[in-house]
């Protein structure tokens, strides 16, 4: 078993004063990692990961209860892609601008999609898949990193 250490640093100086910060997260008992770079074609939706109650339930599934850290990074220097975070009955989408990442701290009870602007803070659901929609006109590389216990 190992510890995953994630460090996020923002560095900016305004008027001679440092305004950034460094934050660190340690996830203990990691026994598995998965890292891959996926080339996402133009005008296509690419499923980059699927999650299930057990790895034996579907081909290539990641155990939703064991995954403790997920990062998706747009490696492209100029093109934006849209990340679909799909739950068991809801989803949300966000733009991944060039060289940016989206991080999930777990995959169990992690999301709730709603249709209005007033959060209900209801019961969160498990992650079912991660999908990339590329409408940039170019092939865009996306990096996926998952750490599990």
N, C-alpha and C. Protein backbone atom coordinates (compact mmCIF):
# COMPACT_ATOMS: atom_id res chain seq x y z
N UNK A 1 0.84 -1.19 0.00
CA UNK A 1 0.00 0.00 0.00
C UNK A 1 0.88 1.25 0.00
N UNK A 2 0.36 2.29 -0.60
CA UNK A 2 1.10 3.54 -0.70
C UNK A 2 0.18 4.72 -0.45
N UNK A 3 0.78 5.85 -0.18
CA UNK A 3 0.03 7.09 -0.07
C UNK A 3 0.14 7.84 -1.39
N UNK A 4 -0.99 8.35 -1.87
CA UNK A 4 -1.00 9.27 -3.00
C UNK A 4 -0.97 10.68 -2.42
N UNK A 5 -0.01 11.48 -2.85
CA UNK A 5 0.08 12.86 -2.40
C UNK A 5 -0.20 13.76 -3.60
N UNK A 6 -1.21 14.59 -3.48
CA UNK A 6 -1.60 15.52 -4.53
C UNK A 6 -1.33 16.93 -4.02
N UNK A 7 -0.54 17.69 -4.77
CA UNK A 7 -0.21 19.06 -4.39
C UNK A 7 -0.69 19.99 -5.48
N UNK A 8 -1.47 20.98 -5.09
CA UNK A 8 -1.95 22.00 -6.03
C UNK A 8 -1.35 23.34 -5.58
N UNK A 9 -0.66 23.98 -6.51
CA UNK A 9 -0.01 25.26 -6.21
C UNK A 9 -0.46 26.30 -7.21
N UNK A 10 -0.90 27.44 -6.69
CA UNK A 10 -1.15 28.62 -7.52
C UNK A 10 -0.07 29.64 -7.16
N UNK A 11 0.56 30.20 -8.16
CA UNK A 11 1.62 31.18 -7.91
C UNK A 11 1.34 32.43 -8.72
N UNK A 12 1.07 33.51 -8.02
CA UNK A 12 0.85 34.80 -8.67
C UNK A 12 1.29 35.90 -7.70
N UNK A 13 1.91 36.93 -8.24
CA UNK A 13 2.32 38.07 -7.42
C UNK A 13 1.65 39.31 -7.98
N UNK A 14 0.92 39.99 -7.12
CA UNK A 14 0.25 41.24 -7.49
C UNK A 14 0.76 42.36 -6.60
N UNK A 15 1.17 43.45 -7.21
CA UNK A 15 1.68 44.60 -6.46
C UNK A 15 2.79 44.19 -5.50
N UNK A 16 3.61 43.22 -5.92
CA UNK A 16 4.73 42.79 -5.10
C UNK A 16 4.39 41.81 -3.99
N UNK A 17 3.14 41.41 -3.90
CA UNK A 17 2.70 40.49 -2.84
C UNK A 17 2.27 39.15 -3.44
N UNK A 18 2.77 38.07 -2.85
CA UNK A 18 2.37 36.72 -3.28
C UNK A 18 0.91 36.48 -2.90
N UNK A 19 0.12 36.07 -3.86
CA UNK A 19 -1.31 35.84 -3.63
C UNK A 19 -1.71 34.38 -3.82
N UNK A 20 -0.81 33.54 -4.22
CA UNK A 20 -1.13 32.14 -4.48
C UNK A 20 -1.22 31.33 -3.20
N UNK A 21 -1.37 30.03 -3.38
CA UNK A 21 -1.46 29.11 -2.24
C UNK A 21 -0.99 27.73 -2.69
N UNK A 22 -0.63 26.92 -1.71
CA UNK A 22 -0.31 25.52 -1.95
C UNK A 22 -1.16 24.69 -1.00
N UNK A 23 -1.87 23.73 -1.58
CA UNK A 23 -2.69 22.82 -0.78
C UNK A 23 -2.30 21.40 -1.13
N UNK A 24 -2.28 20.54 -0.10
CA UNK A 24 -1.86 19.16 -0.29
C UNK A 24 -2.91 18.21 0.25
N UNK A 25 -3.17 17.16 -0.51
CA UNK A 25 -4.10 16.10 -0.13
C UNK A 25 -3.33 14.80 -0.11
N UNK A 26 -3.49 14.00 0.95
CA UNK A 26 -2.89 12.68 1.02
C UNK A 26 -4.00 11.65 1.07
N UNK A 27 -3.96 10.70 0.15
CA UNK A 27 -4.94 9.61 0.11
C UNK A 27 -4.16 8.34 0.47
N UNK A 28 -4.54 7.73 1.59
CA UNK A 28 -3.81 6.57 2.10
C UNK A 28 -4.30 5.26 1.49
N UNK A 29 -3.49 4.26 1.62
CA UNK A 29 -3.82 2.86 1.29
C UNK A 29 -4.06 2.60 -0.19
N UNK A 30 -3.41 3.35 -1.06
CA UNK A 30 -3.57 3.13 -2.50
C UNK A 30 -2.86 1.83 -2.89
N UNK A 31 -3.57 0.98 -3.61
CA UNK A 31 -3.00 -0.29 -4.07
C UNK A 31 -3.02 -0.42 -5.58
N UNK A 32 -3.76 0.47 -6.27
CA UNK A 32 -3.87 0.39 -7.73
C UNK A 32 -3.89 1.79 -8.33
N UNK A 33 -3.27 1.94 -9.48
CA UNK A 33 -3.40 3.18 -10.24
C UNK A 33 -3.64 2.83 -11.70
N UNK A 34 -4.25 3.76 -12.38
CA UNK A 34 -4.44 3.63 -13.82
C UNK A 34 -4.14 5.00 -14.42
N UNK A 35 -3.27 5.03 -15.41
CA UNK A 35 -2.96 6.27 -16.10
C UNK A 35 -2.95 5.96 -17.59
N UNK A 36 -3.70 6.76 -18.33
CA UNK A 36 -3.71 6.59 -19.78
C UNK A 36 -3.92 7.92 -20.46
N UNK A 37 -3.42 8.01 -21.68
CA UNK A 37 -3.65 9.17 -22.52
C UNK A 37 -4.54 8.70 -23.66
N UNK A 38 -5.67 9.39 -23.82
CA UNK A 38 -6.66 9.01 -24.82
C UNK A 38 -6.73 10.11 -25.87
N UNK A 39 -6.63 9.75 -27.13
CA UNK A 39 -6.78 10.72 -28.21
C UNK A 39 -8.26 10.76 -28.60
N UNK A 40 -8.87 11.91 -28.40
CA UNK A 40 -10.30 12.09 -28.65
C UNK A 40 -10.48 12.79 -29.99
N UNK A 41 -11.20 12.14 -30.89
CA UNK A 41 -11.36 12.67 -32.24
C UNK A 41 -12.41 13.77 -32.29
N UNK A 42 -12.32 14.58 -33.33
CA UNK A 42 -13.25 15.68 -33.53
C UNK A 42 -14.67 15.16 -33.76
N UNK A 43 -15.66 15.88 -33.25
CA UNK A 43 -17.08 15.59 -33.43
C UNK A 43 -17.49 14.23 -32.90
N UNK A 44 -16.78 13.75 -31.89
CA UNK A 44 -17.10 12.45 -31.32
C UNK A 44 -17.14 12.55 -29.80
N UNK A 45 -17.93 11.66 -29.20
CA UNK A 45 -17.93 11.50 -27.76
C UNK A 45 -17.16 10.23 -27.45
N UNK A 46 -16.16 10.34 -26.59
CA UNK A 46 -15.31 9.22 -26.24
C UNK A 46 -15.49 8.90 -24.76
N UNK A 47 -15.91 7.68 -24.44
CA UNK A 47 -15.98 7.25 -23.05
C UNK A 47 -14.57 6.88 -22.61
N UNK A 48 -14.06 7.59 -21.62
CA UNK A 48 -12.68 7.36 -21.20
C UNK A 48 -12.58 6.47 -19.96
N UNK A 49 -13.69 6.27 -19.24
CA UNK A 49 -13.69 5.37 -18.08
C UNK A 49 -15.12 4.99 -17.74
N UNK A 50 -15.29 3.75 -17.27
CA UNK A 50 -16.58 3.30 -16.74
C UNK A 50 -16.37 2.77 -15.33
N UNK A 51 -17.40 2.91 -14.52
CA UNK A 51 -17.34 2.52 -13.12
C UNK A 51 -18.53 1.63 -12.81
N UNK A 52 -18.33 0.65 -11.92
CA UNK A 52 -19.40 -0.28 -11.56
C UNK A 52 -19.18 -0.75 -10.12
N UNK A 53 -20.16 -1.46 -9.61
CA UNK A 53 -20.09 -1.96 -8.23
C UNK A 53 -18.95 -2.97 -8.04
N UNK A 54 -18.55 -3.63 -9.10
CA UNK A 54 -17.42 -4.57 -9.05
C UNK A 54 -16.78 -4.62 -10.43
N UNK A 55 -15.49 -4.88 -10.47
CA UNK A 55 -14.80 -4.90 -11.76
C UNK A 55 -15.28 -6.04 -12.64
N UNK A 56 -15.91 -7.04 -12.06
CA UNK A 56 -16.38 -8.19 -12.82
C UNK A 56 -17.72 -7.94 -13.50
N UNK A 57 -18.36 -6.80 -13.25
CA UNK A 57 -19.70 -6.57 -13.80
C UNK A 57 -19.71 -6.10 -15.24
N UNK A 58 -18.62 -5.48 -15.71
CA UNK A 58 -18.56 -5.07 -17.10
C UNK A 58 -17.10 -4.94 -17.53
N UNK A 59 -16.88 -5.08 -18.81
CA UNK A 59 -15.52 -5.06 -19.37
C UNK A 59 -14.87 -3.71 -19.08
N UNK A 60 -13.69 -3.75 -18.48
CA UNK A 60 -12.92 -2.54 -18.23
C UNK A 60 -13.42 -1.66 -17.10
N UNK A 61 -14.40 -2.13 -16.33
CA UNK A 61 -14.97 -1.31 -15.27
C UNK A 61 -13.98 -1.11 -14.12
N UNK A 62 -14.07 0.05 -13.51
CA UNK A 62 -13.30 0.38 -12.31
C UNK A 62 -14.27 0.31 -11.14
N UNK A 63 -13.85 -0.28 -10.05
CA UNK A 63 -14.72 -0.43 -8.88
C UNK A 63 -15.04 0.94 -8.30
N UNK A 64 -16.32 1.29 -8.31
CA UNK A 64 -16.76 2.62 -7.88
C UNK A 64 -16.50 2.86 -6.39
N UNK A 65 -16.50 1.80 -5.59
CA UNK A 65 -16.23 1.96 -4.17
C UNK A 65 -14.76 2.05 -3.83
N UNK A 66 -13.91 1.60 -4.72
CA UNK A 66 -12.47 1.58 -4.46
C UNK A 66 -11.73 2.80 -5.00
N UNK A 67 -12.25 3.45 -6.03
CA UNK A 67 -11.57 4.61 -6.62
C UNK A 67 -11.67 5.80 -5.67
N UNK A 68 -10.52 6.33 -5.27
CA UNK A 68 -10.46 7.40 -4.27
C UNK A 68 -9.94 8.72 -4.81
N UNK A 69 -9.53 8.73 -6.08
CA UNK A 69 -9.03 9.96 -6.69
C UNK A 69 -9.07 9.78 -8.20
N UNK A 70 -9.67 10.77 -8.89
CA UNK A 70 -9.75 10.74 -10.34
C UNK A 70 -9.38 12.12 -10.87
N UNK A 71 -8.47 12.14 -11.85
CA UNK A 71 -8.11 13.40 -12.50
C UNK A 71 -8.21 13.22 -14.01
N UNK A 72 -8.87 14.18 -14.66
CA UNK A 72 -8.92 14.23 -16.12
C UNK A 72 -8.29 15.56 -16.53
N UNK A 73 -7.27 15.48 -17.41
CA UNK A 73 -6.55 16.68 -17.84
C UNK A 73 -6.59 16.79 -19.35
N UNK A 74 -6.93 17.98 -19.84
CA UNK A 74 -6.86 18.29 -21.26
C UNK A 74 -5.40 18.65 -21.56
N UNK A 75 -4.71 17.81 -22.29
CA UNK A 75 -3.30 18.04 -22.58
C UNK A 75 -3.05 19.00 -23.73
N UNK A 76 -4.11 19.35 -24.46
CA UNK A 76 -3.95 20.21 -25.63
C UNK A 76 -3.61 21.64 -25.21
N UNK A 77 -2.79 22.29 -26.01
CA UNK A 77 -2.36 23.65 -25.71
C UNK A 77 -3.29 24.74 -26.22
N UNK A 78 -4.27 24.38 -27.08
CA UNK A 78 -5.12 25.44 -27.63
C UNK A 78 -6.60 25.08 -27.76
N UNK A 79 -6.96 23.81 -27.63
CA UNK A 79 -8.35 23.40 -27.84
C UNK A 79 -9.04 23.00 -26.55
N UNK A 80 -10.32 23.35 -26.46
CA UNK A 80 -11.16 23.01 -25.32
C UNK A 80 -11.97 21.76 -25.65
N UNK A 81 -12.18 20.91 -24.65
CA UNK A 81 -13.09 19.77 -24.78
C UNK A 81 -14.10 19.85 -23.64
N UNK A 82 -15.21 19.13 -23.79
CA UNK A 82 -16.21 19.09 -22.74
C UNK A 82 -16.16 17.73 -22.06
N UNK A 83 -16.09 17.75 -20.73
CA UNK A 83 -16.08 16.53 -19.93
C UNK A 83 -17.48 16.28 -19.43
N UNK A 84 -18.01 15.09 -19.72
CA UNK A 84 -19.29 14.65 -19.17
C UNK A 84 -19.04 13.74 -17.99
N UNK A 85 -19.54 14.14 -16.83
CA UNK A 85 -19.43 13.34 -15.61
C UNK A 85 -20.80 12.70 -15.42
N UNK A 86 -20.88 11.40 -15.70
CA UNK A 86 -22.16 10.70 -15.78
C UNK A 86 -22.36 9.83 -14.55
N UNK A 87 -23.46 10.08 -13.85
CA UNK A 87 -23.80 9.27 -12.69
C UNK A 87 -24.76 8.17 -13.05
N UNK A 88 -25.33 7.54 -12.04
CA UNK A 88 -26.25 6.44 -12.27
C UNK A 88 -27.59 6.92 -12.82
N UNK A 89 -27.95 8.20 -12.59
CA UNK A 89 -29.18 8.73 -13.19
C UNK A 89 -29.08 10.20 -13.59
N UNK A 90 -28.01 10.87 -13.24
CA UNK A 90 -27.81 12.28 -13.58
C UNK A 90 -26.43 12.46 -14.21
N UNK A 91 -26.17 13.66 -14.69
CA UNK A 91 -24.85 13.99 -15.21
C UNK A 91 -24.64 15.49 -15.13
N UNK A 92 -23.39 15.89 -15.25
CA UNK A 92 -23.07 17.29 -15.46
C UNK A 92 -21.92 17.36 -16.45
N UNK A 93 -21.78 18.50 -17.10
CA UNK A 93 -20.70 18.70 -18.07
C UNK A 93 -19.96 19.98 -17.71
N UNK A 94 -18.65 19.95 -17.96
CA UNK A 94 -17.83 21.14 -17.77
C UNK A 94 -16.85 21.24 -18.93
N UNK A 95 -16.46 22.43 -19.27
CA UNK A 95 -15.42 22.62 -20.28
C UNK A 95 -14.06 22.44 -19.63
N UNK A 96 -13.22 21.66 -20.28
CA UNK A 96 -11.82 21.57 -19.89
C UNK A 96 -11.04 22.43 -20.88
N UNK A 97 -10.68 23.60 -20.44
CA UNK A 97 -9.90 24.51 -21.26
C UNK A 97 -8.51 23.90 -21.48
N UNK A 98 -7.73 24.41 -22.40
CA UNK A 98 -6.39 23.86 -22.64
C UNK A 98 -5.56 23.81 -21.36
N UNK A 99 -4.94 22.65 -21.13
CA UNK A 99 -4.02 22.42 -20.01
C UNK A 99 -4.68 22.47 -18.64
N UNK A 100 -6.00 22.30 -18.57
CA UNK A 100 -6.68 22.31 -17.27
C UNK A 100 -7.15 20.91 -16.90
N UNK A 101 -7.48 20.74 -15.60
CA UNK A 101 -7.88 19.45 -15.06
C UNK A 101 -9.19 19.56 -14.29
N UNK A 102 -9.86 18.42 -14.18
CA UNK A 102 -11.02 18.27 -13.30
C UNK A 102 -10.70 17.11 -12.38
N UNK A 103 -10.88 17.31 -11.08
CA UNK A 103 -10.54 16.30 -10.08
C UNK A 103 -11.78 15.90 -9.32
N UNK A 104 -11.93 14.58 -9.11
CA UNK A 104 -12.99 14.03 -8.27
C UNK A 104 -12.33 13.32 -7.09
N UNK A 105 -12.77 13.59 -5.87
CA UNK A 105 -12.13 13.00 -4.69
C UNK A 105 -12.54 11.56 -4.42
N UNK A 106 -13.52 11.08 -5.13
CA UNK A 106 -13.98 9.69 -5.02
C UNK A 106 -14.94 9.45 -6.17
N UNK A 107 -15.48 8.25 -6.26
CA UNK A 107 -16.46 7.96 -7.31
C UNK A 107 -17.77 7.45 -6.73
N UNK A 108 -17.81 7.16 -5.44
CA UNK A 108 -19.05 6.73 -4.78
C UNK A 108 -19.70 7.95 -4.15
N UNK A 109 -21.00 8.10 -4.35
CA UNK A 109 -21.77 9.22 -3.80
C UNK A 109 -21.06 10.55 -4.05
N UNK A 110 -20.84 10.86 -5.34
CA UNK A 110 -20.01 12.00 -5.69
C UNK A 110 -20.72 13.10 -6.48
N UNK A 111 -21.91 12.82 -7.07
CA UNK A 111 -22.53 13.86 -7.89
C UNK A 111 -24.05 13.82 -7.82
N UNK A 112 -24.62 14.97 -8.14
CA UNK A 112 -26.07 15.11 -8.28
C UNK A 112 -26.32 16.21 -9.29
N UNK A 113 -26.94 15.88 -10.39
CA UNK A 113 -27.28 16.87 -11.40
C UNK A 113 -28.67 17.42 -11.14
N UNK A 114 -28.84 18.72 -11.35
CA UNK A 114 -30.15 19.36 -11.16
C UNK A 114 -30.41 20.30 -12.32
N UNK A 115 -31.68 20.61 -12.55
CA UNK A 115 -32.07 21.44 -13.69
C UNK A 115 -32.30 22.90 -13.35
N UNK A 116 -32.07 23.28 -12.11
CA UNK A 116 -32.32 24.67 -11.75
C UNK A 116 -31.08 25.26 -11.09
N UNK A 117 -31.19 26.52 -10.66
CA UNK A 117 -30.03 27.23 -10.09
C UNK A 117 -30.04 27.21 -8.56
N UNK A 118 -30.91 26.42 -7.95
CA UNK A 118 -31.00 26.35 -6.49
C UNK A 118 -30.63 24.95 -6.02
N UNK A 119 -29.41 24.74 -5.54
CA UNK A 119 -29.01 23.40 -5.12
C UNK A 119 -29.91 22.85 -4.01
N UNK A 120 -30.34 21.62 -4.19
CA UNK A 120 -31.19 20.97 -3.19
C UNK A 120 -30.36 20.21 -2.17
N UNK A 121 -29.09 19.96 -2.48
CA UNK A 121 -28.20 19.20 -1.61
C UNK A 121 -28.82 17.86 -1.23
N UNK A 122 -29.33 17.17 -2.24
CA UNK A 122 -29.96 15.87 -2.04
C UNK A 122 -28.93 14.75 -1.98
N UNK A 123 -29.40 13.54 -2.11
CA UNK A 123 -28.55 12.37 -2.05
C UNK A 123 -27.66 12.29 -3.29
N UNK A 124 -26.38 12.20 -3.07
CA UNK A 124 -25.44 12.11 -4.18
C UNK A 124 -25.40 10.69 -4.72
N UNK A 125 -25.11 10.56 -6.00
CA UNK A 125 -25.08 9.24 -6.63
C UNK A 125 -23.67 8.87 -7.06
N UNK A 126 -23.51 7.59 -7.39
CA UNK A 126 -22.22 7.06 -7.83
C UNK A 126 -21.91 7.50 -9.25
N UNK A 127 -20.63 7.57 -9.54
CA UNK A 127 -20.16 7.84 -10.90
C UNK A 127 -20.33 6.58 -11.74
N UNK A 128 -20.83 6.73 -12.95
CA UNK A 128 -20.99 5.60 -13.87
C UNK A 128 -19.98 5.66 -15.01
N UNK A 129 -19.68 6.87 -15.52
CA UNK A 129 -18.68 6.98 -16.59
C UNK A 129 -18.17 8.40 -16.71
N UNK A 130 -17.06 8.52 -17.40
CA UNK A 130 -16.50 9.82 -17.78
C UNK A 130 -16.42 9.83 -19.30
N UNK A 131 -16.93 10.91 -19.90
CA UNK A 131 -16.96 11.00 -21.36
C UNK A 131 -16.40 12.35 -21.80
N UNK A 132 -15.70 12.34 -22.92
CA UNK A 132 -15.15 13.57 -23.50
C UNK A 132 -15.87 13.83 -24.82
N UNK A 133 -16.34 15.05 -24.99
CA UNK A 133 -16.92 15.49 -26.26
C UNK A 133 -15.96 16.51 -26.85
N UNK A 134 -15.47 16.20 -28.02
CA UNK A 134 -14.49 17.04 -28.68
C UNK A 134 -15.14 17.68 -29.90
N UNK A 135 -15.29 19.00 -29.87
CA UNK A 135 -15.83 19.73 -31.03
C UNK A 135 -14.82 20.77 -31.50
N UNK A 136 -13.55 20.50 -31.29
CA UNK A 136 -12.51 21.50 -31.56
C UNK A 136 -12.06 21.56 -33.01
N UNK A 137 -12.34 20.51 -33.77
CA UNK A 137 -11.84 20.44 -35.13
C UNK A 137 -10.51 19.73 -35.23
N UNK A 138 -9.95 19.31 -34.10
CA UNK A 138 -8.65 18.63 -34.08
C UNK A 138 -8.74 17.43 -33.15
N UNK A 139 -7.80 16.53 -33.25
CA UNK A 139 -7.68 15.45 -32.28
C UNK A 139 -7.06 16.04 -31.02
N UNK A 140 -7.69 15.77 -29.86
CA UNK A 140 -7.23 16.32 -28.59
C UNK A 140 -6.87 15.17 -27.66
N UNK A 141 -5.68 15.24 -27.06
CA UNK A 141 -5.25 14.23 -26.09
C UNK A 141 -5.72 14.62 -24.70
N UNK A 142 -6.27 13.63 -24.01
CA UNK A 142 -6.76 13.79 -22.64
C UNK A 142 -6.06 12.75 -21.77
N UNK A 143 -5.59 13.18 -20.60
CA UNK A 143 -4.96 12.24 -19.68
C UNK A 143 -5.92 11.89 -18.55
N UNK A 144 -6.00 10.60 -18.25
CA UNK A 144 -6.84 10.09 -17.17
C UNK A 144 -5.93 9.43 -16.14
N UNK A 145 -6.10 9.80 -14.87
CA UNK A 145 -5.36 9.18 -13.78
C UNK A 145 -6.36 8.80 -12.69
N UNK A 146 -6.31 7.55 -12.24
CA UNK A 146 -7.21 7.06 -11.19
C UNK A 146 -6.37 6.31 -10.17
N UNK A 147 -6.60 6.58 -8.88
CA UNK A 147 -5.96 5.85 -7.80
C UNK A 147 -7.05 5.17 -6.97
N UNK A 148 -6.83 3.89 -6.68
CA UNK A 148 -7.83 3.09 -5.96
C UNK A 148 -7.20 2.36 -4.79
N UNK A 149 -8.05 1.98 -3.85
CA UNK A 149 -7.60 1.17 -2.71
C UNK A 149 -7.89 -0.29 -2.97
